[in-house]
Protein backbone atom coordinates (compact mmCIF):
# COMPACT_ATOMS: atom_id res chain seq x y z
CA MET A 1 -134.37 49.50 101.67
CA ILE A 2 -132.51 46.72 103.55
CA GLU A 3 -133.94 43.27 102.97
CA THR A 4 -134.91 41.27 106.06
CA TYR A 5 -135.52 37.54 106.41
CA ALA A 6 -136.47 35.43 109.43
CA ALA A 7 -136.25 31.79 110.46
CA LEU A 8 -139.06 30.70 112.78
CA GLY A 9 -137.80 27.57 114.50
CA HIS A 10 -136.13 26.45 117.72
CA VAL A 11 -132.58 27.55 118.45
CA VAL A 12 -130.93 25.14 120.89
CA VAL A 13 -127.59 23.86 122.13
CA ASP A 14 -126.81 20.44 120.69
CA VAL A 15 -124.66 18.02 122.70
CA ILE A 16 -123.29 15.80 119.95
CA THR A 17 -121.75 12.35 120.44
CA ALA A 18 -119.96 10.66 117.53
CA PRO A 19 -120.79 7.03 116.63
CA ASP A 20 -117.52 5.73 118.10
CA LYS A 21 -117.87 7.98 121.19
CA SER A 22 -114.53 9.60 120.36
CA VAL A 23 -116.11 13.05 119.98
CA ARG A 24 -118.52 14.79 122.34
CA VAL A 25 -119.02 18.48 121.61
CA GLU A 26 -121.52 21.24 122.32
CA ARG A 27 -122.62 23.37 119.38
CA LEU A 28 -125.46 25.73 118.55
CA GLY A 29 -128.23 23.95 116.68
CA GLY A 30 -131.94 23.68 116.05
CA ALA A 31 -133.98 24.03 112.88
CA GLY A 32 -134.25 27.80 113.27
CA LEU A 33 -130.50 28.28 113.61
CA TYR A 34 -129.59 26.11 110.62
CA ALA A 35 -132.29 27.68 108.44
CA ALA A 36 -130.95 31.13 109.35
CA LEU A 37 -127.47 30.03 108.24
CA GLY A 38 -128.90 28.81 104.94
CA LEU A 39 -130.64 32.13 104.44
CA ARG A 40 -127.39 33.92 105.23
CA LEU A 41 -125.63 31.94 102.47
CA ALA A 42 -128.19 33.14 99.92
CA VAL A 43 -128.97 36.75 100.85
CA SER A 44 -127.00 39.85 101.74
CA GLY A 45 -129.70 41.40 103.91
CA GLY A 46 -130.48 40.99 107.58
CA VAL A 47 -131.30 37.50 108.86
CA LEU A 48 -133.11 36.97 112.14
CA PRO A 49 -133.39 33.59 113.86
CA CYS A 50 -136.68 33.73 115.78
CA SER A 51 -137.04 31.53 118.87
CA GLY A 52 -137.36 31.46 122.60
CA VAL A 53 -133.94 30.99 124.21
CA GLY A 54 -132.19 31.17 127.56
CA SER A 55 -130.32 34.23 128.80
CA ASP A 56 -127.11 32.28 128.18
CA LEU A 57 -127.57 31.95 124.40
CA VAL A 58 -126.55 35.27 122.86
CA SER A 59 -124.10 36.30 125.59
CA GLY A 60 -122.23 33.02 125.23
CA ASN A 61 -122.13 33.05 121.42
CA ARG A 62 -121.50 36.66 120.39
CA ALA A 63 -118.53 35.73 118.20
CA PHE A 64 -120.63 33.25 116.26
CA PHE A 65 -123.49 35.70 115.67
CA ASN A 66 -121.06 38.42 114.66
CA ALA A 67 -119.19 36.15 112.25
CA TRP A 68 -122.42 35.08 110.55
CA GLN A 69 -123.94 38.58 110.77
CA LEU A 70 -127.10 37.22 112.35
CA ASP A 71 -129.45 39.69 114.02
CA PRO A 72 -130.39 38.33 117.50
CA GLN A 73 -133.23 40.73 118.27
CA ALA A 74 -135.95 38.09 117.68
CA LEU A 75 -134.29 35.64 120.10
CA ARG A 76 -136.43 36.20 123.17
CA THR A 77 -135.28 35.20 126.64
CA ARG A 78 -137.73 32.79 128.26
CA SER A 79 -135.51 31.27 130.96
CA ALA A 80 -131.95 31.13 132.23
CA GLN A 81 -130.98 28.14 130.07
CA THR A 82 -131.40 27.58 126.35
CA PRO A 83 -132.94 24.17 125.51
CA ARG A 84 -130.26 21.48 125.18
CA THR A 85 -130.60 18.46 122.91
CA ALA A 86 -128.52 15.29 123.13
CA VAL A 87 -127.72 14.14 119.59
CA GLU A 88 -126.15 10.67 119.62
CA TYR A 89 -125.08 9.03 116.38
CA HIS A 90 -124.99 5.26 115.90
CA ASP A 91 -124.97 2.73 113.06
CA ARG A 92 -128.73 3.08 112.49
CA GLY A 93 -128.79 6.86 112.40
CA ARG A 94 -129.20 9.17 115.37
CA ASP A 95 -131.20 9.56 118.57
CA GLU A 96 -132.25 12.91 120.00
CA GLU A 97 -133.38 13.73 123.53
CA SER A 98 -134.28 16.97 125.25
CA LEU A 99 -131.85 17.16 128.18
CA LEU A 100 -133.89 19.73 130.13
CA GLY A 101 -137.22 18.02 129.51
CA ASP A 102 -140.01 18.34 126.99
CA ASP A 103 -141.83 21.00 129.02
CA HIS A 104 -138.74 23.21 129.04
CA PHE A 105 -138.34 22.75 125.27
CA ALA A 106 -142.00 23.61 124.67
CA ALA A 107 -141.72 26.74 126.82
CA HIS A 108 -139.20 28.10 124.30
CA ARG A 109 -141.47 27.61 121.30
CA PRO A 110 -140.78 30.13 118.52
CA ALA A 111 -143.52 32.71 118.03
CA LEU A 112 -144.19 35.27 115.31
CA ALA A 113 -144.88 37.77 118.07
CA ASP A 114 -141.14 37.67 118.85
CA LEU A 115 -140.57 39.52 115.56
CA GLY A 116 -142.77 42.41 116.63
CA GLY A 117 -143.38 44.93 113.85
CA LEU A 118 -140.67 43.34 111.69
CA ALA A 119 -143.09 40.59 110.63
CA ALA A 120 -144.92 43.03 108.37
CA THR A 121 -141.75 44.08 106.55
CA LEU A 122 -140.08 40.69 105.92
CA ASN A 123 -138.88 39.69 102.46
CA GLY A 124 -139.14 36.00 103.32
CA LEU A 125 -139.83 33.72 106.28
CA TYR A 126 -138.83 30.10 106.98
CA ALA A 127 -141.18 28.25 109.34
CA PHE A 128 -140.64 24.91 111.07
CA GLN A 129 -144.10 24.43 112.54
CA GLU A 130 -146.67 21.70 113.01
CA ALA A 131 -149.82 22.00 110.92
CA ASP A 132 -151.97 22.72 113.98
CA SER A 133 -149.59 25.30 115.48
CA PRO A 134 -151.31 28.46 116.73
CA GLU A 135 -148.74 30.43 114.71
CA TRP A 136 -150.68 29.73 111.50
CA ALA A 137 -153.13 32.51 112.29
CA GLY A 138 -150.27 34.93 111.69
CA LEU A 139 -148.35 32.95 109.08
CA ALA A 140 -151.32 32.90 106.71
CA THR A 141 -151.49 36.71 106.72
CA LEU A 142 -147.84 37.47 105.92
CA ARG A 143 -147.21 39.34 102.69
CA CYS A 144 -143.79 37.77 102.08
CA PRO A 145 -142.96 34.31 100.69
CA VAL A 146 -143.14 31.59 103.36
CA ALA A 147 -141.16 28.35 103.20
CA TRP A 148 -142.70 25.65 105.40
CA GLU A 149 -140.54 22.74 106.49
CA LEU A 150 -142.76 19.94 107.71
CA SER A 151 -142.61 18.47 111.18
CA LEU A 152 -142.22 14.72 111.73
CA VAL A 153 -145.27 14.93 113.99
CA ASP A 154 -147.52 15.70 111.02
CA CYS A 155 -145.86 13.08 108.85
CA ARG A 156 -146.31 10.27 111.39
CA ASP A 157 -149.68 11.10 112.92
CA GLU A 158 -152.91 9.66 111.58
CA GLY A 159 -154.67 12.39 109.63
CA GLY A 160 -151.41 14.26 109.09
CA TRP A 161 -151.81 14.49 105.32
CA GLU A 162 -155.21 16.19 105.59
CA ARG A 163 -153.84 18.72 108.10
CA VAL A 164 -150.85 19.42 105.88
CA ARG A 165 -152.92 19.70 102.70
CA ARG A 166 -155.13 22.37 104.25
CA ARG A 167 -152.07 24.49 105.10
CA LEU A 168 -150.29 24.30 101.75
CA ALA A 169 -152.37 27.05 100.18
CA ASP A 170 -151.04 29.44 102.86
CA VAL A 171 -147.36 29.05 101.88
CA GLU A 172 -145.29 29.45 98.75
CA ILE A 173 -142.70 26.70 99.38
CA VAL A 174 -143.01 23.35 101.16
CA SER A 175 -139.95 21.25 102.06
CA LEU A 176 -139.69 17.70 103.42
CA ASN A 177 -137.36 14.73 103.14
CA THR A 178 -138.02 11.48 101.30
CA GLU A 179 -138.83 9.47 104.44
CA GLU A 180 -141.30 12.12 105.60
CA GLY A 181 -142.88 12.29 102.15
CA ARG A 182 -143.33 8.52 102.00
CA THR A 183 -144.78 8.39 105.51
CA LEU A 184 -147.08 11.35 104.90
CA THR A 185 -148.52 10.34 101.53
CA GLY A 186 -147.67 6.67 101.01
CA LEU A 187 -145.96 7.62 97.72
CA ASP A 188 -142.45 6.49 96.74
CA ASP A 189 -142.00 8.11 93.34
CA PRO A 190 -140.50 11.61 93.82
CA ALA A 191 -142.18 13.11 90.74
CA ILE A 192 -145.63 11.86 91.73
CA LEU A 193 -145.15 12.99 95.33
CA LEU A 194 -144.09 16.46 94.25
CA GLN A 195 -146.99 16.83 91.85
CA THR A 196 -149.36 15.71 94.60
CA LEU A 197 -148.06 18.56 96.77
CA LEU A 198 -148.38 21.05 93.91
CA ARG A 199 -152.00 20.06 93.39
CA SER A 200 -152.66 21.43 96.87
CA ARG A 201 -151.84 24.93 95.57
CA VAL A 202 -148.32 25.35 96.91
CA ASP A 203 -146.03 27.12 94.42
CA VAL A 204 -142.85 25.07 94.94
CA ALA A 205 -142.38 21.60 96.45
CA ILE A 206 -138.97 20.35 97.65
CA LEU A 207 -138.16 16.73 98.45
CA ARG A 208 -134.77 16.37 100.14
CA ALA A 209 -132.94 13.07 99.60
CA GLY A 210 -129.71 13.34 101.62
CA GLU A 211 -126.67 12.09 99.73
CA ASP A 212 -128.90 11.56 96.68
CA GLY A 213 -129.51 15.29 96.48
CA SER A 214 -133.02 16.69 96.17
CA TYR A 215 -136.06 16.93 93.92
CA VAL A 216 -137.83 20.21 93.24
CA ALA A 217 -141.01 21.06 91.35
CA GLY A 218 -142.85 24.23 90.39
CA SER A 219 -144.18 26.09 87.39
CA GLU A 220 -140.76 25.85 85.69
CA GLY A 221 -140.74 22.05 85.78
CA THR A 222 -139.67 19.11 87.92
CA PHE A 223 -135.96 18.42 88.51
CA HIS A 224 -133.49 16.18 90.29
CA VAL A 225 -130.68 18.19 91.89
CA ALA A 226 -127.47 16.35 92.77
CA ALA A 227 -125.87 16.89 96.16
CA ALA A 228 -123.27 19.65 95.97
CA PRO A 229 -119.70 18.46 96.57
CA ALA A 230 -118.45 18.69 100.15
CA ASP A 231 -114.84 18.33 101.29
CA ARG A 232 -115.96 15.70 103.81
CA ILE A 233 -119.18 14.45 105.35
CA VAL A 234 -119.09 14.46 109.14
CA ASP A 235 -122.49 15.49 110.52
CA PRO A 236 -125.69 15.74 108.42
CA THR A 237 -127.75 17.42 111.15
CA GLY A 238 -129.15 20.75 109.96
CA ALA A 239 -128.32 20.33 106.28
CA GLY A 240 -131.97 20.05 105.31
CA ASN A 241 -132.89 23.15 107.30
CA ALA A 242 -130.05 25.08 105.66
CA TYR A 243 -131.18 23.88 102.23
CA SER A 244 -134.72 25.12 102.86
CA GLY A 245 -133.52 28.48 104.16
CA ALA A 246 -131.12 29.04 101.28
CA PHE A 247 -133.75 28.06 98.69
CA LEU A 248 -136.17 30.57 100.19
CA GLY A 249 -133.58 33.33 100.20
CA ALA A 250 -132.41 32.71 96.64
CA SER A 251 -135.93 32.43 95.20
CA ALA A 252 -137.13 35.52 97.10
CA ARG A 253 -134.35 37.44 95.38
CA GLY A 254 -135.50 36.31 91.95
CA ALA A 255 -133.51 33.14 91.29
CA SER A 256 -135.08 30.52 89.03
CA LEU A 257 -136.18 27.17 90.43
CA VAL A 258 -132.97 25.53 89.18
CA GLU A 259 -130.64 28.28 90.39
CA ALA A 260 -132.30 28.45 93.81
CA SER A 261 -131.99 24.68 94.23
CA LYS A 262 -128.30 24.74 93.25
CA ARG A 263 -127.62 27.52 95.76
CA ALA A 264 -129.52 25.55 98.41
CA ALA A 265 -127.51 22.39 97.67
CA ALA A 266 -124.28 24.37 97.99
CA ALA A 267 -125.40 25.84 101.34
CA ALA A 268 -126.20 22.38 102.69
CA SER A 269 -122.78 21.08 101.65
CA PHE A 270 -121.01 23.37 104.12
CA ILE A 271 -123.19 22.25 107.03
CA VAL A 272 -122.19 18.57 106.83
CA GLU A 273 -118.43 19.13 106.95
CA GLN A 274 -118.06 19.34 110.77
CA TYR A 275 -119.98 18.62 113.95
CA GLY A 276 -122.44 21.47 114.32
CA PRO A 277 -122.43 24.60 112.15
CA PRO A 278 -119.29 26.23 110.73
CA ASP A 279 -117.86 28.91 113.00
CA ALA A 280 -118.06 31.43 110.15
CA PRO A 281 -119.60 31.53 106.67
CA PRO A 282 -117.54 30.21 103.75
CA ASP A 283 -116.12 32.50 101.11
CA GLU A 284 -118.72 33.65 98.58
CA ASN A 285 -116.51 32.45 95.72
CA GLU A 286 -116.57 28.91 97.11
CA ILE A 287 -120.34 29.02 97.56
CA ALA A 288 -120.70 30.13 93.95
CA ARG A 289 -118.26 27.45 92.75
CA ARG A 290 -120.11 24.62 94.47
CA SER A 291 -123.42 25.95 93.20
CA ALA A 292 -122.12 26.19 89.64
CA ILE A 293 -120.88 22.59 89.49
CA THR A 294 -124.02 21.10 91.05
CA THR A 295 -125.83 19.17 88.33
CA VAL A 296 -129.56 19.37 87.67
CA GLU A 297 -131.58 17.03 85.46
CA PRO A 298 -135.25 17.41 84.44
CA LEU A 299 -137.60 14.64 85.55
CA ARG A 300 -140.25 13.27 83.26
CA VAL A 301 -143.73 13.71 84.74
CA SER A 302 -146.45 11.48 83.35
CA ALA A 303 -149.61 13.27 82.27
CA GLU A 304 -151.84 11.55 84.81
CA VAL A 305 -150.09 13.18 87.77
CA ARG A 306 -149.93 16.71 86.47
CA PRO A 307 -151.95 19.10 88.66
């Protein structure tokens, strides 16, 4: 039977401006798109990005979808234009703005219903959803592993931690970055933060730390995973989504916590090397090489924070 995985998250067109204004390009983007690419770098089965889009999305990007072997059937047309996001880099980081307005963006919200009957047969699903999203009624009933990447809304809002904690028992994997983790829980120590998440009955907790790599925790232990080597670092947008998608795909296929995190780090390394996603997936031998040379070190966890 062919394996099938899905990424539930917005697929958009990013309009990217470099810090020195020398580059302004339009590329496919969005959490759902980058997570689907991460999945594709970890699994050989079908991968479906799942989002509302414009009628211009698939028709204008057939070469990209063919090169990555992405299945577009869960990309549902909701309007003539796909949401467009201005991504402008500067010395302090980046600013993002919905160019067609927040209402237009919200009208293209990803929905499990877009998967139709495929939802019941998935081998794994990535979800970029807020804790109070109506999609949780369906997410909690899925029989496949679910990787939940947290939304900044939950991390910044008062009461966000309580909303998140109630959802963790409904997923197998939770993924967030260090800034989100600190804002959500008030904790700085990665090991303590991860163990706090595990105490809420999630199986695996991932804390992404950018150029410092990532931290992962589960029944096999708690580890620091170095960033996989990249040829160059140009644009970090989407690397975290790709990491989460690749980790889900590798672990769903039986990889250990360490091996899944190394594969995820390797997947993320290809995303940062250009503005927007690569036009085609890298060679499998290069993915395997970067994964193999990514270093992993166990983290000591003090007894008082063990779940």
